[in-house]
């Protein structure tokens, strides 16, 4: 069954605002595999505002009062992120206080850094002091022996689509030779 069919079986309206027009699958970043479980059935208006924070219309998102109670983790994640994005409006703070999510779902929601204040955010920097973001491409600046393996990640290897360690500014993760490894930021430079 296609993802669109699975989402239609789950909801015939936008799972965020209840809209009925121009619905499509919205893979929830940062690491969605494109499956229905990691996607939201959303309208064009919601998707446009999710992808373009400068276009956000706070009034449109009052719908989160209902959709935040959805049992689908992907919908909960998007609702939580939008409520955090709109905190300055006042009303989202009350909804966030009422919202409950399983631990893994909350971890997924926080994966993009939504909801963190500047003083809470851990900043990852490469060897040159350039700030790294999830999804960046970095290049190894020295040969690295991978712990627990005989593999050596060679200097000059490009590591694409990195993810950041949420607890330690010195660690990032990325795939080298189809194997996910933890890399110390002092050994990479942003490309």
Protein backbone atom coordinates (compact mmCIF):
# COMPACT_ATOMS: atom_id res chain seq x y z
CA UNK A 1 0.00 0.00 0.00
CA UNK A 2 1.37 3.44 -0.89
CA UNK A 3 2.09 6.05 1.78
CA UNK A 4 -0.65 8.32 0.43
CA UNK A 5 -3.21 5.49 0.67
CA UNK A 6 -2.14 4.68 4.23
CA UNK A 7 -2.48 8.33 5.19
CA UNK A 8 -5.92 8.55 3.52
CA UNK A 9 -6.99 5.48 5.51
CA UNK A 10 -5.78 7.24 8.66
CA UNK A 11 -7.42 10.59 7.89
CA UNK A 12 -9.34 12.08 4.95
CA UNK A 13 -8.62 15.61 6.22
CA UNK A 14 -5.46 17.49 7.21
CA UNK A 15 -4.32 15.92 10.46
CA UNK A 16 -3.23 19.33 11.71
CA UNK A 17 -5.96 21.82 10.75
CA UNK A 18 -8.79 19.64 9.42
CA UNK A 19 -8.59 21.16 5.92
CA UNK A 20 -9.88 19.04 3.05
CA UNK A 21 -8.06 20.44 -0.01
CA UNK A 22 -4.61 19.78 -1.49
CA UNK A 23 -3.63 17.04 0.96
CA UNK A 24 -0.33 15.21 0.70
CA UNK A 25 2.21 13.37 2.80
CA UNK A 26 4.56 15.56 4.82
CA UNK A 27 7.61 13.56 6.03
CA UNK A 28 8.42 14.82 9.53
CA UNK A 29 12.06 16.02 9.68
CA UNK A 30 14.87 15.46 10.40
CA UNK A 31 15.15 11.72 9.82
CA UNK A 32 11.83 10.61 8.33
CA UNK A 33 12.07 7.48 6.21
CA UNK A 34 9.02 8.62 4.23
CA UNK A 35 6.72 5.98 5.73
CA UNK A 36 3.18 6.80 6.84
CA UNK A 37 4.22 6.32 10.47
CA UNK A 38 6.80 9.10 10.08
CA UNK A 39 4.60 11.40 8.00
CA UNK A 40 1.60 13.64 8.51
CA UNK A 41 -1.34 13.96 6.12
CA UNK A 42 -1.34 17.73 5.72
CA UNK A 43 -2.76 20.46 3.54
CA UNK A 44 -0.71 22.82 1.40
CA UNK A 45 -1.27 25.73 3.82
CA UNK A 46 0.10 23.82 6.81
CA UNK A 47 3.07 22.42 4.86
CA UNK A 48 3.97 25.86 3.51
CA UNK A 49 3.99 27.34 7.02
CA UNK A 50 5.92 24.39 8.47
CA UNK A 51 8.65 24.79 5.85
CA UNK A 52 8.69 28.62 5.90
CA UNK A 53 8.64 29.96 9.48
CA UNK A 54 8.46 33.54 8.22
CA UNK A 55 5.01 32.78 6.71
CA UNK A 56 3.47 31.43 9.92
CA UNK A 57 -0.03 32.71 10.65
CA UNK A 58 -0.63 32.12 14.37
CA UNK A 59 -4.41 32.23 13.93
CA UNK A 60 -4.28 29.29 11.51
CA UNK A 61 -2.55 27.17 14.17
CA UNK A 62 -5.28 27.52 16.79
CA UNK A 63 -6.35 24.15 15.33
CA UNK A 64 -3.53 22.56 17.36
CA UNK A 65 -5.86 22.72 20.36
CA UNK A 66 -7.53 19.64 18.82
CA UNK A 67 -4.81 17.98 16.76
CA UNK A 68 -2.30 17.84 19.62
CA UNK A 69 -4.44 15.05 21.12
CA UNK A 70 -4.05 12.81 18.06
CA UNK A 71 -2.67 9.36 18.88
CA UNK A 72 -0.28 9.40 15.89
CA UNK A 73 3.27 10.26 17.09
CA UNK A 74 4.10 12.14 13.85
CA UNK A 75 1.13 14.47 14.39
CA UNK A 76 2.10 14.98 18.04
CA UNK A 77 5.65 15.88 16.98
CA UNK A 78 4.51 18.51 14.48
CA UNK A 79 1.96 19.95 16.93
CA UNK A 80 4.60 20.20 19.68
CA UNK A 81 7.08 21.91 17.35
CA UNK A 82 4.53 24.44 16.10
CA UNK A 83 3.35 25.23 19.62
CA UNK A 84 6.95 25.90 20.60
CA UNK A 85 7.48 28.05 17.53
CA UNK A 86 4.42 30.12 18.50
CA UNK A 87 5.19 30.44 22.25
CA UNK A 88 5.41 34.23 22.04
CA UNK A 89 1.67 34.35 21.23
CA UNK A 90 0.88 33.27 24.81
CA UNK A 91 -1.87 30.70 24.21
CA UNK A 92 0.49 27.92 23.00
CA UNK A 93 2.22 27.84 26.39
CA UNK A 94 -0.98 26.58 28.05
CA UNK A 95 -1.39 23.88 25.42
CA UNK A 96 2.23 22.76 25.81
CA UNK A 97 1.67 22.45 29.57
CA UNK A 98 -1.28 20.10 28.93
CA UNK A 99 0.36 18.08 26.17
CA UNK A 100 1.63 14.59 26.93
CA UNK A 101 3.92 12.52 24.70
CA UNK A 102 5.80 9.28 25.15
CA UNK A 103 9.53 9.72 25.83
CA UNK A 104 10.61 8.57 22.34
CA UNK A 105 8.06 10.86 20.68
CA UNK A 106 9.28 13.84 22.71
CA UNK A 107 12.88 13.01 21.76
CA UNK A 108 11.81 12.98 18.09
CA UNK A 109 10.03 16.33 18.55
CA UNK A 110 13.14 17.91 20.05
CA UNK A 111 15.45 16.52 17.32
CA UNK A 112 15.29 19.75 15.29
CA UNK A 113 16.00 22.03 18.24
CA UNK A 114 12.47 23.46 18.46
CA UNK A 115 11.57 24.45 21.98
CA UNK A 116 15.12 25.15 23.09
CA UNK A 117 16.03 28.59 24.27
CA UNK A 118 19.36 30.00 23.16
CA UNK A 119 20.96 29.30 26.53
CA UNK A 120 19.76 25.66 26.43
CA UNK A 121 21.00 24.94 22.94
CA UNK A 122 24.19 22.97 22.53
CA UNK A 123 26.22 24.42 19.69
CA UNK A 124 28.34 22.08 17.58
CA UNK A 125 31.36 23.64 15.86
CA UNK A 126 33.88 22.19 13.45
CA UNK A 127 37.67 22.49 13.80
CA UNK A 128 37.52 26.04 12.38
CA UNK A 129 34.76 27.19 14.72
CA UNK A 130 32.04 27.09 12.05
CA UNK A 131 28.63 26.18 13.51
CA UNK A 132 27.32 22.79 12.36
CA UNK A 133 23.65 22.00 11.81
CA UNK A 134 21.81 18.71 11.40
CA UNK A 135 21.93 17.68 7.75
CA UNK A 136 25.24 19.42 6.98
CA UNK A 137 28.08 17.79 5.08
CA UNK A 138 31.50 17.66 6.73
CA UNK A 139 34.92 16.40 5.65
CA UNK A 140 37.25 14.39 7.90
CA UNK A 141 40.57 16.18 8.48
CA UNK A 142 42.46 13.10 9.69
CA UNK A 143 42.29 9.31 9.50
CA UNK A 144 40.03 7.99 12.27
CA UNK A 145 40.08 4.49 13.72
CA UNK A 146 36.46 3.43 14.36
CA UNK A 147 36.12 1.92 17.85
CA UNK A 148 34.91 -1.67 17.91
CA UNK A 149 35.77 -2.18 14.27
CA UNK A 150 38.76 -2.64 12.02
CA UNK A 151 37.50 0.20 9.84
CA UNK A 152 39.53 3.36 9.31
CA UNK A 153 37.66 6.46 8.14
CA UNK A 154 40.13 8.14 5.78
CA UNK A 155 41.06 11.81 5.80
CA UNK A 156 39.13 13.73 3.14
CA UNK A 157 36.04 11.51 3.38
CA UNK A 158 32.81 13.51 3.02
CA UNK A 159 30.18 12.68 5.64
CA UNK A 160 26.76 13.82 4.43
CA UNK A 161 23.58 14.49 6.35
CA UNK A 162 25.13 14.52 9.82
CA UNK A 163 23.07 14.42 12.98
CA UNK A 164 24.04 16.23 16.16
CA UNK A 165 24.42 14.69 19.60
CA UNK A 166 21.81 16.42 21.77
CA UNK A 167 23.88 16.08 24.95
CA UNK A 168 27.45 16.77 23.87
CA UNK A 169 28.68 19.57 21.59
CA UNK A 170 31.79 17.55 20.69
CA UNK A 171 29.96 14.64 19.03
CA UNK A 172 28.17 14.26 15.72
CA UNK A 173 26.99 11.15 13.88
CA UNK A 174 27.27 10.31 10.22
CA UNK A 175 27.62 7.44 7.78
CA UNK A 176 31.00 6.38 6.47
CA UNK A 177 31.04 3.36 4.15
CA UNK A 178 27.35 2.70 4.99
CA UNK A 179 28.15 2.46 8.70
CA UNK A 180 26.90 5.06 11.18
CA UNK A 181 29.72 6.28 13.40
CA UNK A 182 30.21 8.90 16.10
CA UNK A 183 32.73 11.55 15.12
CA UNK A 184 34.43 14.16 17.31
CA UNK A 185 33.81 17.66 15.92
CA UNK A 186 37.52 18.55 16.30
CA UNK A 187 38.25 16.15 13.43
CA UNK A 188 35.87 17.61 10.84
CA UNK A 189 35.43 20.75 8.82
CA UNK A 190 32.20 21.91 7.23
CA UNK A 191 32.18 21.71 3.45
